[in-house]
Amino acid sequence: NPGEWVLKGVSFHVYPKQTVAFVGATGSGKSTILSLICRNYDIQKGQILIDGIDIRHIKIASLRSHFGQMLQDVFLFAGDIRSNIVLRSDNVTDEDVWQACRYVNADGFIRKQEGGLDETVREQGNNFSAGQRQLLSFARTILHKPSVMILDEATANIDTETEVLIQDSLEKMKNIGTMLIVAHRLSTIQHADNIILLSHGEIMEQGTHQELLHRKGRYYQLYTLQFRKQQLQES
């Protein structure tokens, strides 16, 4: 509504190579925080600092060159697997591509394709599953070695088998750079160094998975609800 602040009193620190996850109901402000960090739009009040510098003083292109974004809806264009991972990068060998694919567990399904890296990708990648498209997105990001990796609901539409592969990928990606994750599935962010629970634009709780469970607050309630729902689906 006009006149209402989307975020209120939100304050947190992210240290190099930390993984910070944002959780909460739809409309709680999770994706808004990531959009502000990427300068999709600028904040009206307060500051976002990177190494002590207000990001509004950093050129947008320069800022975003340090970010690798993995979103719920993966953008793939008509072409082949290789070109969708490499994009416009120069001096990238096939071994570089395979190394990135192995790192994020994408090599398995690619090797099963008749064309391997030359396998055709249809418009929007609709000849691959949501999980496979996400693994290609992860490989693309890893290949370009960003300082900060941003995942916005990147694990929302994947099957259980792919979730296991992505969980393993996320663990390894922690060694590359800082990770900022918006997640609906709490099972995918249990490894995070800090989990921030938002509600109506405010931080309600933050801590590690175990710390938040121990407090038995809102995060505990949300996790218990998801865990029970998963058990019912599997039974």
Foldseek 3Di string as FASTA:
>chain_A
DPPDDLADPDDDDFDKLAEEEEEEDPSLCQVVVVCCQLPVDHDPDDADDDVRHGCVPPDNVVSCLQEQEAEQQFADAWFFLQCRQCPPDPPQDVVLLVVLLVLLVLQVVLVVDPVRRRHTQHGSSVVDDSLNSRSSSSSSRVSSLHQEYEYEQNVVRDDPVSLVSRLSSVVSCSVRIYYYYYHHDPVSCQVGQKYFYGGSNYTDDMGHPVVVCVVVDPSVVSNVVVVVVVVVVVD
